[in-house]
Amino acid sequence: MRNRRNGGAYVVCTSNEGYPVSLIVRRIYRVLADPEASARGLVRVVDESGEDYLYPSGLFAQIELPREIEKQFCVSGLI
């Protein structure tokens, strides 16, 4: 998954199979760049714990947020 602009790529969780405590379906998560993980079919996201972890990329769909929304998420700490 590509990171846009200042390292900001975002995904929406489409399934939390195997990770019901860590991921919430339909929630937006911030992606951290990890080329090695991407090559293995994984994505590094900041999950509900506030830490970044690797998850199967098939659990997410990449989305693009309007710049204004992205700024609001970053300022409020939501993502």
Protein backbone atom coordinates (compact mmCIF):
# COMPACT_ATOMS: atom_id res chain seq x y z
CA MET A 1 0.00 0.00 0.00
CA ARG A 2 1.40 3.34 -1.03
CA ASN A 3 1.96 6.13 1.44
CA ARG A 4 0.79 9.48 0.20
CA ARG A 5 2.16 12.88 0.96
CA ASN A 6 3.87 12.97 4.34
CA GLY A 7 3.75 9.23 5.01
CA GLY A 8 -0.01 9.31 5.34
CA ALA A 9 -1.76 6.29 3.88
CA TYR A 10 -5.08 5.12 5.25
CA VAL A 11 -7.09 1.94 5.13
CA VAL A 12 -10.54 0.89 6.24
CA CYS A 13 -10.91 -2.43 8.01
CA THR A 14 -13.20 -4.72 6.01
CA SER A 15 -12.77 -7.82 8.22
CA ASN A 16 -11.35 -8.45 11.68
CA GLU A 17 -11.30 -12.23 11.33
CA GLY A 18 -8.69 -13.53 13.73
CA TYR A 19 -8.22 -10.10 15.34
CA PRO A 20 -11.57 -9.13 16.94
CA VAL A 21 -9.97 -7.33 19.88
CA SER A 22 -7.41 -5.39 17.85
CA LEU A 23 -9.41 -4.32 14.79
CA ILE A 24 -12.86 -2.82 14.32
CA VAL A 25 -14.65 -3.38 11.02
CA ARG A 26 -15.37 -0.13 9.12
CA ARG A 27 -12.84 1.83 11.21
CA ILE A 28 -10.15 3.87 9.45
CA TYR A 29 -6.55 3.11 10.35
CA ARG A 30 -3.28 4.86 9.56
CA VAL A 31 -0.71 2.81 7.65
CA LEU A 32 3.01 3.00 8.38
CA ALA A 33 5.43 2.29 5.55
CA ASP A 34 6.99 -1.17 5.74
CA PRO A 35 8.23 -2.43 2.37
CA GLU A 36 9.29 -5.83 3.77
CA ALA A 37 5.84 -6.43 5.23
CA SER A 38 4.16 -5.35 1.98
CA ALA A 39 6.27 -7.85 0.06
CA ARG A 40 4.90 -10.57 2.38
CA GLY A 41 1.26 -9.51 1.95
CA LEU A 42 1.09 -7.68 5.26
CA VAL A 43 0.29 -4.11 6.22
CA ARG A 44 1.55 -2.22 9.28
CA VAL A 45 -1.27 -0.26 10.92
CA VAL A 46 -1.74 1.59 14.18
CA ASP A 47 -4.52 -0.45 15.81
CA GLU A 48 -6.84 -0.02 18.80
CA SER A 49 -3.95 -0.36 21.25
CA GLY A 50 -2.29 2.74 19.79
CA GLU A 51 0.69 0.64 18.70
CA ASP A 52 1.60 -0.45 15.18
CA TYR A 53 1.31 -4.10 14.25
CA LEU A 54 1.35 -6.22 11.12
CA TYR A 55 -1.92 -7.62 9.78
CA PRO A 56 -2.83 -9.44 6.58
CA SER A 57 -3.47 -6.82 3.90
CA GLY A 58 -6.64 -8.66 2.85
CA LEU A 59 -8.37 -7.34 5.99
CA PHE A 60 -8.22 -3.77 4.67
CA ALA A 61 -9.10 -1.62 1.70
CA GLN A 62 -6.97 1.43 0.93
CA ILE A 63 -8.77 4.77 0.96
CA GLU A 64 -7.86 8.37 0.28
CA LEU A 65 -8.99 11.02 2.71
CA PRO A 66 -9.52 14.63 1.70
CA ARG A 67 -6.65 16.73 3.02
CA GLU A 68 -8.95 18.62 5.43
CA ILE A 69 -10.21 15.40 6.99
CA GLU A 70 -6.72 13.94 7.21
CA LYS A 71 -5.55 17.05 9.09
CA GLN A 72 -8.46 16.77 11.52
CA PHE A 73 -7.67 13.12 12.23
CA CYS A 74 -4.02 13.89 12.90
CA VAL A 75 -4.74 16.87 15.15
CA SER A 76 -7.35 15.06 17.21
CA GLY A 77 -5.27 11.90 17.52
CA LEU A 78 -8.01 9.75 15.97
CA ILE A 79 -5.57 8.21 13.53
